[in-house]
Amino acid sequence: MLVSLTAEGRALYRKVMPIARKWNGDLFDCLDEKEKRALGEALDKVIAAMTGGDA
């Protein structure tokens, strides 16, 4: 299945994504790189468990 954004959707994406990236960066600034990696691995494991995929 192929999904694509409309022109309006692409414009909204371009507007929102810089804000979301900054917010995410600010949110995780309190973690060092090792902690960010551990969090990512833990979240991958949770997602895999919920979707039936491999961690």
N, C-alpha and C. Protein backbone atom coordinates (compact mmCIF):
# COMPACT_ATOMS: atom_id res chain seq x y z
N MET A 1 0.84 -1.16 0.00
CA MET A 1 0.00 0.00 0.00
C MET A 1 0.90 1.24 0.00
N LEU A 2 0.63 2.15 -0.86
CA LEU A 2 1.38 3.40 -0.95
C LEU A 2 0.52 4.52 -0.41
N VAL A 3 1.09 5.28 0.50
CA VAL A 3 0.39 6.42 1.09
C VAL A 3 1.22 7.66 0.80
N SER A 4 0.57 8.73 0.43
CA SER A 4 1.29 9.97 0.17
C SER A 4 0.51 11.16 0.73
N LEU A 5 1.23 12.21 0.99
CA LEU A 5 0.62 13.42 1.53
C LEU A 5 0.11 14.31 0.40
N THR A 6 -0.92 15.03 0.69
CA THR A 6 -1.39 16.05 -0.24
C THR A 6 -0.44 17.24 -0.15
N ALA A 7 -0.58 18.19 -1.03
CA ALA A 7 0.23 19.41 -0.97
C ALA A 7 0.03 20.11 0.37
N GLU A 8 -1.20 20.13 0.84
CA GLU A 8 -1.50 20.74 2.14
C GLU A 8 -0.82 19.97 3.27
N GLY A 9 -0.83 18.66 3.18
CA GLY A 9 -0.17 17.83 4.18
C GLY A 9 1.34 18.03 4.20
N ARG A 10 1.95 18.15 3.02
CA ARG A 10 3.39 18.40 2.94
C ARG A 10 3.74 19.76 3.54
N ALA A 11 2.91 20.76 3.29
CA ALA A 11 3.15 22.09 3.85
C ALA A 11 3.06 22.04 5.38
N LEU A 12 2.07 21.33 5.89
CA LEU A 12 1.92 21.20 7.33
C LEU A 12 3.12 20.46 7.93
N TYR A 13 3.57 19.40 7.27
CA TYR A 13 4.73 18.64 7.71
C TYR A 13 5.95 19.55 7.81
N ARG A 14 6.19 20.35 6.78
CA ARG A 14 7.34 21.27 6.78
C ARG A 14 7.24 22.29 7.91
N LYS A 15 6.04 22.65 8.27
CA LYS A 15 5.83 23.63 9.34
C LYS A 15 6.02 23.00 10.73
N VAL A 16 5.51 21.80 10.91
CA VAL A 16 5.48 21.17 12.23
C VAL A 16 6.78 20.46 12.59
N MET A 17 7.43 19.83 11.64
CA MET A 17 8.58 18.99 11.97
C MET A 17 9.73 19.73 12.64
N PRO A 18 10.11 20.94 12.24
CA PRO A 18 11.17 21.62 12.98
C PRO A 18 10.81 21.84 14.45
N ILE A 19 9.54 22.12 14.72
CA ILE A 19 9.08 22.32 16.10
C ILE A 19 9.17 21.00 16.86
N ALA A 20 8.73 19.91 16.24
CA ALA A 20 8.77 18.60 16.89
C ALA A 20 10.21 18.16 17.15
N ARG A 21 11.10 18.39 16.19
CA ARG A 21 12.51 18.01 16.38
C ARG A 21 13.13 18.79 17.54
N LYS A 22 12.85 20.08 17.63
CA LYS A 22 13.38 20.89 18.73
C LYS A 22 12.83 20.41 20.05
N TRP A 23 11.53 20.15 20.10
CA TRP A 23 10.89 19.69 21.34
C TRP A 23 11.51 18.37 21.78
N ASN A 24 11.69 17.44 20.85
CA ASN A 24 12.29 16.15 21.18
C ASN A 24 13.73 16.33 21.65
N GLY A 25 14.48 17.19 20.98
CA GLY A 25 15.85 17.45 21.39
C GLY A 25 15.92 18.00 22.80
N ASP A 26 15.06 18.97 23.09
CA ASP A 26 15.02 19.57 24.43
C ASP A 26 14.61 18.53 25.47
N LEU A 27 13.66 17.69 25.13
CA LEU A 27 13.15 16.68 26.05
C LEU A 27 14.24 15.71 26.48
N PHE A 28 15.08 15.30 25.55
CA PHE A 28 16.08 14.27 25.82
C PHE A 28 17.46 14.83 26.11
N ASP A 29 17.61 16.14 26.21
CA ASP A 29 18.91 16.75 26.52
C ASP A 29 19.44 16.32 27.89
N CYS A 30 18.56 15.92 28.78
CA CYS A 30 18.99 15.52 30.13
C CYS A 30 19.68 14.15 30.13
N LEU A 31 19.59 13.42 29.02
CA LEU A 31 20.19 12.09 28.93
C LEU A 31 21.53 12.16 28.20
N ASP A 32 22.50 11.38 28.65
CA ASP A 32 23.74 11.29 27.89
C ASP A 32 23.54 10.27 26.77
N GLU A 33 24.54 10.10 25.92
CA GLU A 33 24.39 9.23 24.74
C GLU A 33 24.11 7.78 25.14
N LYS A 34 24.75 7.31 26.20
CA LYS A 34 24.52 5.93 26.64
C LYS A 34 23.08 5.75 27.10
N GLU A 35 22.56 6.73 27.81
CA GLU A 35 21.17 6.66 28.28
C GLU A 35 20.19 6.75 27.11
N LYS A 36 20.48 7.58 26.14
CA LYS A 36 19.62 7.69 24.95
C LYS A 36 19.58 6.37 24.20
N ARG A 37 20.74 5.73 24.08
CA ARG A 37 20.80 4.43 23.40
C ARG A 37 19.99 3.38 24.17
N ALA A 38 20.15 3.37 25.49
CA ALA A 38 19.42 2.40 26.32
C ALA A 38 17.91 2.64 26.21
N LEU A 39 17.49 3.89 26.23
CA LEU A 39 16.07 4.20 26.09
C LEU A 39 15.56 3.74 24.72
N GLY A 40 16.31 4.01 23.67
CA GLY A 40 15.91 3.59 22.34
C GLY A 40 15.77 2.08 22.24
N GLU A 41 16.73 1.36 22.83
CA GLU A 41 16.67 -0.10 22.81
C GLU A 41 15.47 -0.62 23.60
N ALA A 42 15.19 0.00 24.74
CA ALA A 42 14.04 -0.41 25.54
C ALA A 42 12.73 -0.15 24.79
N LEU A 43 12.63 1.00 24.15
CA LEU A 43 11.42 1.31 23.39
C LEU A 43 11.26 0.38 22.20
N ASP A 44 12.38 0.05 21.53
CA ASP A 44 12.32 -0.91 20.43
C ASP A 44 11.77 -2.25 20.91
N LYS A 45 12.20 -2.67 22.10
CA LYS A 45 11.74 -3.94 22.66
C LYS A 45 10.25 -3.91 22.97
N VAL A 46 9.78 -2.79 23.53
CA VAL A 46 8.36 -2.65 23.83
C VAL A 46 7.54 -2.66 22.54
N ILE A 47 7.99 -1.92 21.55
CA ILE A 47 7.27 -1.88 20.26
C ILE A 47 7.23 -3.25 19.61
N ALA A 48 8.36 -3.95 19.65
CA ALA A 48 8.40 -5.30 19.07
C ALA A 48 7.43 -6.23 19.78
N ALA A 49 7.36 -6.13 21.10
CA ALA A 49 6.44 -6.98 21.86
C ALA A 49 4.98 -6.67 21.51
N MET A 50 4.70 -5.42 21.27
CA MET A 50 3.32 -5.02 20.97
C MET A 50 2.92 -5.32 19.53
N THR A 51 3.90 -5.43 18.63
CA THR A 51 3.58 -5.62 17.22
C THR A 51 3.95 -7.02 16.71
N GLY A 52 4.53 -7.84 17.59
CA GLY A 52 4.90 -9.18 17.18
C GLY A 52 6.20 -9.24 16.40
N GLY A 53 6.96 -8.14 16.39
CA GLY A 53 8.24 -8.10 15.66
C GLY A 53 9.39 -8.54 16.54
N ASP A 54 10.57 -8.56 15.95
CA ASP A 54 11.79 -8.92 16.70
C ASP A 54 12.39 -7.66 17.29
N ALA A 55 12.93 -7.75 18.47
CA ALA A 55 13.59 -6.61 19.13
C ALA A 55 15.01 -6.50 18.69
